[in-house]
Protein backbone atom coordinates (compact mmCIF):
# COMPACT_ATOMS: atom_id res chain seq x y z
CA UNK A 1 36.57 -16.78 -135.30
CA UNK A 2 36.73 -18.28 -132.21
CA UNK A 3 36.63 -21.99 -130.76
CA UNK A 4 33.29 -23.50 -129.40
CA UNK A 5 34.38 -24.87 -125.81
CA UNK A 6 34.17 -28.54 -125.31
CA UNK A 7 30.87 -29.39 -123.52
CA UNK A 8 32.37 -30.88 -119.93
CA UNK A 9 29.90 -32.83 -117.50
CA UNK A 10 28.52 -31.16 -114.59
CA UNK A 11 30.52 -31.16 -111.26
CA UNK A 12 29.43 -33.54 -109.54
CA UNK A 13 29.61 -36.09 -112.78
CA UNK A 14 33.06 -35.19 -113.00
CA UNK A 15 33.31 -36.47 -109.26
CA UNK A 16 31.80 -39.30 -109.84
CA UNK A 17 33.49 -40.95 -112.96
CA UNK A 18 36.97 -39.93 -111.20
CA UNK A 19 35.95 -42.45 -107.72
CA UNK A 20 34.34 -44.92 -109.96
CA UNK A 21 37.67 -45.58 -111.25
CA UNK A 22 39.28 -45.40 -108.08
CA UNK A 23 41.59 -42.78 -108.88
CA UNK A 24 42.85 -39.32 -106.64
CA UNK A 25 43.17 -36.12 -107.53
CA UNK A 26 46.10 -36.12 -107.72
CA UNK A 27 45.94 -38.98 -110.65
CA UNK A 28 44.11 -36.84 -112.23
CA UNK A 29 46.00 -33.80 -112.01
CA UNK A 30 48.91 -35.66 -112.87
CA UNK A 31 47.30 -36.73 -116.17
CA UNK A 32 45.75 -33.54 -117.28
CA UNK A 33 49.32 -31.73 -116.12
CA UNK A 34 47.39 -29.60 -113.29
CA UNK A 35 47.61 -29.02 -109.31
CA UNK A 36 45.27 -30.37 -107.16
CA UNK A 37 43.52 -27.54 -105.81
CA UNK A 38 42.94 -27.04 -109.72
CA UNK A 39 41.20 -30.18 -109.91
CA UNK A 40 39.77 -29.70 -106.48
CA UNK A 41 37.67 -26.52 -107.83
CA UNK A 42 36.87 -28.04 -111.61
CA UNK A 43 35.13 -30.79 -109.77
CA UNK A 44 33.56 -28.13 -106.69
CA UNK A 45 31.97 -26.28 -110.18
CA UNK A 46 34.18 -23.04 -108.28
CA UNK A 47 35.67 -22.97 -112.01
CA UNK A 48 36.07 -24.59 -115.52
CA UNK A 49 39.28 -25.01 -117.37
CA UNK A 50 39.61 -23.22 -120.23
CA UNK A 51 41.93 -23.86 -123.60
CA UNK A 52 44.00 -26.67 -123.49
CA UNK A 53 43.34 -27.54 -120.40
CA UNK A 54 39.64 -28.06 -121.26
CA UNK A 55 40.16 -29.87 -123.94
CA UNK A 56 42.80 -32.50 -122.06
CA UNK A 57 40.62 -32.72 -119.28
CA UNK A 58 37.62 -33.59 -121.33
CA UNK A 59 39.65 -36.22 -123.08
CA UNK A 60 40.30 -37.93 -119.60
CA UNK A 61 36.80 -37.84 -118.40
CA UNK A 62 35.60 -39.84 -122.28
CA UNK A 63 38.74 -42.46 -121.27
CA UNK A 64 37.68 -42.85 -117.97
CA UNK A 65 33.99 -42.77 -118.99
CA UNK A 66 34.38 -45.91 -121.93
CA UNK A 67 36.51 -47.85 -118.91
CA UNK A 68 34.86 -51.08 -118.52
CA UNK A 69 33.34 -51.07 -115.07
CA UNK A 70 35.12 -52.24 -111.67
CA UNK A 71 34.30 -55.53 -110.34
CA UNK A 72 31.31 -56.36 -108.83
CA UNK A 73 32.65 -55.06 -105.23
CA UNK A 74 32.08 -52.11 -106.75
CA UNK A 75 29.59 -51.92 -109.22
CA UNK A 76 27.13 -52.60 -106.10
CA UNK A 77 26.88 -56.65 -106.85
CA UNK A 78 25.49 -58.57 -104.21
CA UNK A 79 28.95 -60.18 -102.08
CA UNK A 80 29.60 -63.69 -102.10
CA UNK A 81 28.06 -65.55 -98.89
CA UNK A 82 31.34 -66.31 -97.96
CA UNK A 83 32.58 -62.63 -98.55
CA UNK A 84 34.53 -60.80 -95.50
CA UNK A 85 32.79 -57.37 -94.95
CA UNK A 86 34.62 -54.43 -94.91
CA UNK A 87 37.55 -53.78 -92.88
CA UNK A 88 36.87 -50.42 -90.68
CA UNK A 89 39.10 -47.39 -90.72
CA UNK A 90 40.85 -46.32 -87.62
CA UNK A 91 38.59 -43.41 -86.25
CA UNK A 92 37.27 -41.84 -83.40
CA UNK A 93 36.53 -43.77 -80.02
CA UNK A 94 33.40 -44.31 -79.75
CA UNK A 95 30.31 -47.49 -79.04
CA UNK A 96 30.99 -50.98 -80.19
CA UNK A 97 30.06 -51.89 -84.02
CA UNK A 98 26.63 -52.65 -84.08
CA UNK A 99 25.03 -50.01 -82.82
CA UNK A 100 25.13 -48.53 -85.86
CA UNK A 101 27.39 -45.45 -83.70
CA UNK A 102 30.53 -46.71 -84.80
CA UNK A 103 32.91 -44.83 -87.20
CA UNK A 104 32.54 -46.19 -90.85
CA UNK A 105 34.91 -47.81 -92.48
CA UNK A 106 37.57 -46.25 -95.26
CA UNK A 107 34.73 -45.63 -98.28
CA UNK A 108 36.50 -47.22 -101.44
CA UNK A 109 35.16 -44.95 -104.33
CA UNK A 110 32.08 -46.91 -106.18
CA UNK A 111 31.54 -49.17 -103.41
CA UNK A 112 27.89 -49.62 -102.50
CA UNK A 113 26.50 -47.99 -105.96
CA UNK A 114 23.52 -49.72 -107.52
CA UNK A 115 23.95 -51.43 -110.64
CA UNK A 116 22.33 -49.32 -113.59
CA UNK A 117 19.44 -51.44 -115.91
CA UNK A 118 16.99 -52.97 -114.74
CA UNK A 119 18.22 -55.03 -112.03
CA UNK A 120 19.66 -51.70 -109.80
CA UNK A 121 16.92 -52.21 -107.35
CA UNK A 122 17.36 -56.09 -106.60
CA UNK A 123 20.70 -56.01 -106.73
CA UNK A 124 20.45 -52.87 -103.80
CA UNK A 125 17.92 -54.80 -101.54
CA UNK A 126 20.07 -58.16 -101.47
CA UNK A 127 23.30 -55.62 -99.53
CA UNK A 128 23.08 -56.70 -95.79
CA UNK A 129 22.07 -53.97 -93.34
CA UNK A 130 24.33 -51.45 -92.32
CA UNK A 131 25.60 -52.26 -88.51
CA UNK A 132 28.65 -49.69 -88.19
CA UNK A 133 29.12 -50.10 -92.38
CA UNK A 134 29.15 -48.04 -95.05
CA UNK A 135 26.63 -48.79 -97.70
CA UNK A 136 23.32 -50.40 -96.38
CA UNK A 137 19.52 -50.84 -98.65
CA UNK A 138 16.39 -50.86 -96.95
CA UNK A 139 13.42 -52.57 -97.63
CA UNK A 140 10.04 -50.83 -98.58
CA UNK A 141 7.23 -50.61 -96.54
CA UNK A 142 4.44 -53.61 -96.87
CA UNK A 143 2.23 -50.41 -98.50
CA UNK A 144 4.69 -50.02 -101.70
CA UNK A 145 7.77 -47.57 -102.46
CA UNK A 146 9.25 -45.68 -99.57
CA UNK A 147 7.87 -42.33 -99.84
CA UNK A 148 11.21 -40.95 -98.61
CA UNK A 149 14.00 -43.18 -100.98
CA UNK A 150 11.29 -42.89 -103.93
CA UNK A 151 12.76 -39.87 -104.91
CA UNK A 152 16.53 -42.04 -105.00
CA UNK A 153 15.69 -45.22 -106.91
CA UNK A 154 16.64 -45.86 -109.94
CA UNK A 155 14.03 -47.39 -111.44
CA UNK A 156 11.32 -45.83 -113.82
CA UNK A 157 9.68 -44.33 -110.57
CA UNK A 158 11.82 -41.58 -109.32
CA UNK A 159 12.66 -40.64 -113.20
CA UNK A 160 10.30 -41.70 -116.05
CA UNK A 161 13.60 -41.56 -118.67
CA UNK A 162 15.39 -44.20 -116.45
CA UNK A 163 19.31 -43.23 -115.01
CA UNK A 164 20.13 -45.17 -118.38
CA UNK A 165 18.28 -41.97 -120.50
CA UNK A 166 21.13 -41.59 -122.63
CA UNK A 167 24.46 -42.31 -123.88
CA UNK A 168 25.59 -38.86 -122.77
CA UNK A 169 23.53 -38.37 -119.36
CA UNK A 170 21.09 -35.74 -121.12
CA UNK A 171 17.31 -35.75 -120.60
CA UNK A 172 16.95 -34.36 -124.53
CA UNK A 173 18.04 -37.23 -125.99
CA UNK A 174 15.53 -39.10 -124.04
CA UNK A 175 12.66 -36.41 -124.67
CA UNK A 176 13.45 -36.98 -128.19
CA UNK A 177 13.88 -40.68 -128.31
CA UNK A 178 10.36 -41.01 -126.79
CA UNK A 179 8.94 -38.14 -128.60
CA UNK A 180 7.84 -36.14 -125.30
CA UNK A 181 7.92 -32.38 -125.10
CA UNK A 182 9.61 -30.40 -122.64
CA UNK A 183 6.06 -29.25 -120.68
CA UNK A 184 5.28 -33.24 -121.22
CA UNK A 185 9.15 -34.55 -119.83
CA UNK A 186 8.94 -31.66 -116.59
CA UNK A 187 5.28 -32.51 -116.20
CA UNK A 188 6.15 -36.49 -115.44
CA UNK A 189 9.39 -35.00 -113.66
CA UNK A 190 7.40 -33.67 -111.24
CA UNK A 191 4.79 -36.07 -111.03
CA UNK A 192 6.93 -39.13 -110.06
CA UNK A 193 9.46 -36.85 -107.32
CA UNK A 194 7.68 -33.90 -105.80
CA UNK A 195 5.14 -36.18 -103.64
CA UNK A 196 8.31 -37.85 -101.95
CA UNK A 197 10.27 -34.44 -102.21
CA UNK A 198 7.61 -32.78 -100.23
CA UNK A 199 8.01 -35.20 -96.89
CA UNK A 200 11.76 -35.15 -97.33
CA UNK A 201 11.66 -31.38 -96.93
CA UNK A 202 9.34 -31.76 -93.72
CA UNK A 203 11.40 -33.86 -92.32
CA UNK A 204 14.12 -30.95 -92.55
CA UNK A 205 12.53 -28.12 -91.68
CA UNK A 206 9.44 -29.60 -89.46
CA UNK A 207 7.10 -27.20 -91.13
CA UNK A 208 4.83 -28.38 -93.26
CA UNK A 209 3.99 -25.16 -95.29
CA UNK A 210 7.58 -24.45 -95.92
CA UNK A 211 8.20 -27.89 -96.77
CA UNK A 212 5.67 -27.09 -99.99
CA UNK A 213 6.77 -23.42 -100.61
CA UNK A 214 10.91 -25.17 -100.68
CA UNK A 215 9.48 -27.91 -103.29
CA UNK A 216 7.42 -25.10 -105.27
CA UNK A 217 10.12 -22.83 -105.70
CA UNK A 218 13.22 -25.91 -106.62
CA UNK A 219 11.14 -27.14 -109.18
CA UNK A 220 10.15 -23.14 -110.80
CA UNK A 221 13.72 -22.93 -110.30
CA UNK A 222 14.22 -26.39 -112.75
CA UNK A 223 11.89 -25.12 -114.93
CA UNK A 224 13.63 -22.03 -115.69
CA UNK A 225 16.32 -23.97 -115.86
CA UNK A 226 15.07 -26.37 -117.93
CA UNK A 227 17.67 -27.17 -120.46
CA UNK A 228 20.84 -27.68 -117.71
CA UNK A 229 18.62 -29.12 -115.54
CA UNK A 230 17.69 -31.24 -118.64
CA UNK A 231 21.02 -32.34 -119.46
CA UNK A 232 21.80 -33.37 -115.78
CA UNK A 233 23.06 -37.27 -114.75
CA UNK A 234 20.35 -36.69 -111.90
CA UNK A 235 17.23 -34.00 -112.53
CA UNK A 236 15.74 -34.99 -109.32
CA UNK A 237 18.77 -35.17 -107.64
CA UNK A 238 19.06 -31.33 -108.53
CA UNK A 239 15.56 -30.38 -107.97
CA UNK A 240 16.03 -31.50 -104.25
CA UNK A 241 19.44 -29.82 -104.20
CA UNK A 242 17.69 -26.42 -104.63
CA UNK A 243 14.62 -27.61 -102.67
CA UNK A 244 16.94 -28.41 -99.49
CA UNK A 245 19.00 -25.24 -100.19
CA UNK A 246 15.93 -23.09 -100.00
CA UNK A 247 14.67 -24.67 -96.69
CA UNK A 248 17.82 -24.61 -95.14
CA UNK A 249 18.34 -20.29 -95.64
CA UNK A 250 18.77 -18.78 -92.51
CA UNK A 251 16.59 -16.01 -93.26
CA UNK A 252 13.27 -18.31 -92.91
CA UNK A 253 13.39 -17.74 -89.33
CA UNK A 254 13.17 -13.55 -88.92
CA UNK A 255 9.44 -14.13 -91.60
CA UNK A 256 6.34 -13.51 -89.09
CA UNK A 257 4.75 -17.03 -90.40
CA UNK A 258 7.18 -19.10 -89.11
CA UNK A 259 7.88 -17.96 -86.11
CA UNK A 260 4.84 -20.52 -84.75
CA UNK A 261 5.81 -24.23 -84.40
CA UNK A 262 3.83 -26.04 -86.14
CA UNK A 263 1.03 -29.05 -84.74
CA UNK A 264 3.53 -31.87 -84.04
CA UNK A 265 2.59 -35.22 -85.63
CA UNK A 266 -0.10 -37.17 -83.51
CA UNK A 267 1.88 -39.86 -82.80
CA UNK A 268 4.25 -39.84 -80.01
CA UNK A 269 6.97 -42.21 -81.40
CA UNK A 270 6.62 -40.45 -84.82
CA UNK A 271 7.11 -36.91 -81.99
CA UNK A 272 9.85 -37.68 -80.41
CA UNK A 273 11.65 -38.25 -83.54
CA UNK A 274 10.52 -35.29 -85.20
CA UNK A 275 11.92 -33.04 -82.09
CA UNK A 276 15.34 -35.58 -82.58
CA UNK A 277 15.97 -34.02 -85.59
CA UNK A 278 15.26 -30.80 -84.83
CA UNK A 279 17.39 -30.39 -81.51
CA UNK A 280 20.63 -31.78 -84.70
CA UNK A 281 22.62 -29.00 -86.71
CA UNK A 282 21.06 -28.19 -90.09
CA UNK A 283 24.30 -30.11 -92.14
CA UNK A 284 24.04 -33.02 -89.62
CA UNK A 285 20.39 -33.78 -90.29
CA UNK A 286 20.48 -33.15 -94.03
CA UNK A 287 23.42 -36.16 -94.16
CA UNK A 288 21.45 -38.16 -91.77
CA UNK A 289 17.86 -37.83 -93.80
CA UNK A 290 19.96 -38.49 -97.43
CA UNK A 291 22.01 -40.99 -96.46
CA UNK A 292 20.04 -43.07 -93.90
CA UNK A 293 16.37 -41.75 -95.59
CA UNK A 294 16.85 -41.55 -99.02
CA UNK A 295 19.75 -43.82 -99.28
CA UNK A 296 22.61 -42.31 -100.91
CA UNK A 297 25.86 -43.64 -100.29
CA UNK A 298 28.48 -41.69 -99.23
CA UNK A 299 30.28 -39.92 -101.84
CA UNK A 300 26.49 -38.97 -103.43
CA UNK A 301 25.72 -37.18 -100.39
CA UNK A 302 29.14 -35.90 -100.03
CA UNK A 303 29.09 -34.30 -102.91
CA UNK A 304 24.78 -32.96 -102.78
CA UNK A 305 26.14 -31.49 -99.33
CA UNK A 306 28.90 -29.97 -100.93
CA UNK A 307 31.75 -31.78 -98.43
CA UNK A 308 34.59 -34.73 -98.47
CA UNK A 309 33.96 -38.06 -97.79
CA UNK A 310 35.30 -38.53 -94.48
CA UNK A 311 33.34 -35.00 -93.24
CA UNK A 312 30.25 -36.68 -94.17
CA UNK A 313 30.63 -39.90 -92.47
CA UNK A 314 31.49 -38.09 -89.74
CA UNK A 315 28.87 -35.99 -89.98
CA UNK A 316 26.61 -38.75 -90.45
CA UNK A 317 28.24 -40.72 -87.58
CA UNK A 318 27.71 -37.90 -84.75
CA UNK A 319 23.62 -37.67 -85.91
CA UNK A 320 22.85 -41.48 -85.66
CA UNK A 321 24.76 -41.06 -82.34
CA UNK A 322 22.62 -38.08 -80.83
CA UNK A 323 19.29 -39.83 -82.20
CA UNK A 324 20.38 -43.25 -80.33
CA UNK A 325 21.27 -41.25 -77.57
CA UNK A 326 17.97 -39.42 -77.44
CA UNK A 327 16.19 -42.60 -78.72
CA UNK A 328 17.54 -46.14 -78.35
CA UNK A 329 15.21 -47.81 -80.06
CA UNK A 330 16.81 -45.87 -83.12
CA UNK A 331 19.97 -47.24 -82.38
CA UNK A 332 20.03 -49.79 -85.29
CA UNK A 333 19.71 -48.13 -88.74
CA UNK A 334 17.14 -49.58 -90.30
CA UNK A 335 15.40 -49.15 -87.60
CA UNK A 336 16.06 -45.14 -87.90
CA UNK A 337 14.99 -45.56 -91.75
CA UNK A 338 11.89 -47.04 -90.76
CA UNK A 339 11.09 -44.22 -88.56
CA UNK A 340 11.47 -41.64 -90.94
CA UNK A 341 9.37 -43.47 -93.53
CA UNK A 342 6.73 -43.36 -91.47
CA UNK A 343 6.94 -40.47 -90.31
CA UNK A 344 7.00 -39.12 -93.85
CA UNK A 345 3.93 -41.61 -94.08
CA UNK A 346 2.03 -40.50 -91.58
CA UNK A 347 2.23 -36.09 -92.71
CA UNK A 348 -0.70 -36.22 -96.13
CA UNK A 349 1.06 -33.51 -97.68
CA UNK A 350 0.58 -32.98 -101.03
CA UNK A 351 2.14 -30.59 -103.78
CA UNK A 352 0.58 -28.45 -106.09
CA UNK A 353 -0.01 -29.69 -109.33
CA UNK A 354 1.75 -29.45 -112.14
CA UNK A 355 0.02 -27.30 -114.06
CA UNK A 356 0.25 -24.29 -110.94
CA UNK A 357 3.87 -24.97 -110.70
CA UNK A 358 4.25 -24.15 -114.64
CA UNK A 359 1.66 -21.55 -114.98
CA UNK A 360 3.14 -19.94 -111.69
CA UNK A 361 6.56 -20.35 -112.88
CA UNK A 362 6.05 -17.78 -115.41
CA UNK A 363 3.85 -15.77 -114.43
CA UNK A 364 6.90 -14.78 -111.53
CA UNK A 365 9.54 -15.17 -114.68
CA UNK A 366 6.92 -12.50 -116.72
CA UNK A 367 6.49 -10.26 -113.19
CA UNK A 368 10.36 -9.80 -112.36
CA UNK A 369 10.99 -9.18 -116.55
CA UNK A 370 8.22 -6.43 -116.68
CA UNK A 371 9.61 -5.01 -112.75
CA UNK A 372 13.78 -4.89 -114.52
CA UNK A 373 12.22 -3.47 -117.85
CA UNK A 374 10.59 -0.44 -115.60
CA UNK A 375 13.35 0.07 -113.45
CA UNK A 376 15.36 0.49 -116.60
CA UNK A 377 12.95 2.71 -118.30
CA UNK A 378 12.50 4.45 -115.15
CA UNK A 379 16.61 5.25 -115.37
CA UNK A 380 16.88 6.21 -118.82
CA UNK A 381 14.01 8.52 -118.53
CA UNK A 382 15.85 9.94 -115.25
CA UNK A 383 19.09 10.27 -116.92
CA UNK A 384 17.46 12.25 -119.80
CA UNK A 385 15.84 14.65 -118.34
CA UNK A 386 19.19 15.10 -115.88
CA UNK A 387 20.79 15.80 -118.96
CA UNK A 388 18.10 17.89 -120.71
CA UNK A 389 17.91 20.14 -117.16
CA UNK A 390 21.48 20.77 -116.16
CA UNK A 391 23.48 23.28 -117.39
CA UNK A 392 25.88 23.19 -119.84
CA UNK A 393 28.69 25.35 -118.25
CA UNK A 394 29.69 26.76 -114.80
CA UNK A 395 28.42 29.22 -112.99
CA UNK A 396 29.87 30.55 -110.30
CA UNK A 397 27.67 30.92 -107.20
CA UNK A 398 27.27 35.01 -105.92
CA UNK A 399 27.96 35.70 -102.13
CA UNK A 400 25.70 37.21 -100.68
CA UNK A 401 27.37 41.00 -99.24
CA UNK A 402 28.64 40.71 -95.49
CA UNK A 403 30.43 43.25 -93.51
CA UNK A 404 33.90 42.96 -92.76
CA UNK A 405 35.47 43.74 -89.65
CA UNK A 406 38.86 44.02 -88.62
CA UNK A 407 40.14 46.02 -91.76
CA UNK A 408 42.86 48.51 -90.98
CA UNK A 409 41.35 52.03 -92.39
CA UNK A 410 42.68 53.39 -95.85
CA UNK A 411 46.44 55.36 -95.58
CA UNK A 412 46.58 57.79 -98.68
CA UNK A 413 46.22 61.31 -98.92
CA UNK A 414 42.14 62.85 -98.72
CA UNK A 415 40.31 65.05 -100.63
CA UNK A 416 41.75 68.61 -101.35
CA UNK A 417 40.32 71.28 -99.93
CA UNK A 418 39.63 74.13 -101.50
CA UNK A 419 42.89 76.27 -101.17
CA UNK A 420 44.63 73.44 -102.50
CA UNK A 421 42.17 72.64 -105.09
CA UNK A 422 43.07 76.92 -106.22
CA UNK A 423 46.80 76.43 -106.45
CA UNK A 424 46.18 73.55 -108.21
CA UNK A 425 44.59 75.67 -110.76
CA UNK A 426 47.51 78.47 -110.69
CA UNK A 427 50.16 76.12 -111.22
CA UNK A 428 48.71 74.24 -114.08
CA UNK A 429 48.30 78.08 -115.79
CA UNK A 430 51.39 79.52 -114.60
CA UNK A 431 54.57 79.14 -117.15
CA UNK A 432 56.80 75.94 -116.19
CA UNK A 433 59.35 77.99 -114.92
CA UNK A 434 60.43 81.05 -112.96
CA UNK A 435 60.79 81.49 -109.41
CA UNK A 436 56.79 80.90 -108.29
CA UNK A 437 56.79 77.33 -109.31
CA UNK A 438 59.16 76.80 -106.74
CA UNK A 439 57.31 79.53 -104.43
CA UNK A 440 54.32 79.88 -105.40
CA UNK A 441 51.42 82.42 -103.91
CA UNK A 442 48.03 82.92 -104.30
CA UNK A 443 47.01 86.31 -104.88
């Protein structure tokens, strides 16, 4: 009887737990008894541990998850007024600090992450604005919650279950505790995250139809894989990553409907900002949107873009420099966030209704299921027909007759003459002895 494998958190959660305790991959490798490359492959999701290594790794993650939280500096609490700012790490030469284009400081794992609980929003908003530093906050606009960072808020507006929905970080426990079915939980997640996600995807692609289609496809995947999404630590982040991946797929350039650009925004400032965003490389644009638009911190941005933290930091710096060169008024990170927020609010993009998304997902699933069944039946029928009509023994083919040229004439005695035939008959009738055997004569 095989033993059931020990459950493990998702790869992003493994990396977050390690960085929240200021541990390096070498430390984890030494604790578990593996190499650093093995730990890296576990955290990126390329491989999963097995056997005793899986048990040791799961016990290690449980141990660091139960450890007390780091000091206030690492938990995202506001620093005292006299606290010294973070010291930036050496980086490539660039503009002086204060213009939002200098190199970010060396990020301490867990720094800038908002505290969990009802006071998370208040602690997040008390951090000083970014001026060459890693973490900053963006005050919501007067109209209410920002359409960009609404999907990154840890409050109930984003996730009806909150970030403290269960001790094990799963939505299944929260659904059962709240008495919600899977349909109701999906509907609440869609209602709170889809509108903001459509605007984010529009800023990522610059196309309204593609943004709506990407969000719809992402929620299709979420509904198809709802058991996996329900146990994820951040279900809205799961859907956001799926929508971004679909929106940034390179094969969209071959679609005839997307060859013509969409009408630009009405405001000249928004038009210039959108053109600047579209001029950035795709990964730089995504990093800038996640950090300065959505409001994720640097480790979460690096994990979602599948890059290291230093690589994400320098992508962010290059994107900010490009924006500051073309639009100097947006050199400040807070001004850039406000510009992104204004551009997102100017687009009246509405996702389809949640009932249509779920029904469309189910129709698509039924269609592909029936197509797979029909294709399988077709293959089986063709195989059966081949077996029925195929010969059971080898039948060599008969070659057509051909004239062979260049063959030498037949050598040997030809046909006997009448004289020789008579002599042969005489010899056969005569006795076997006597002189006439040696000298036969015809009479």
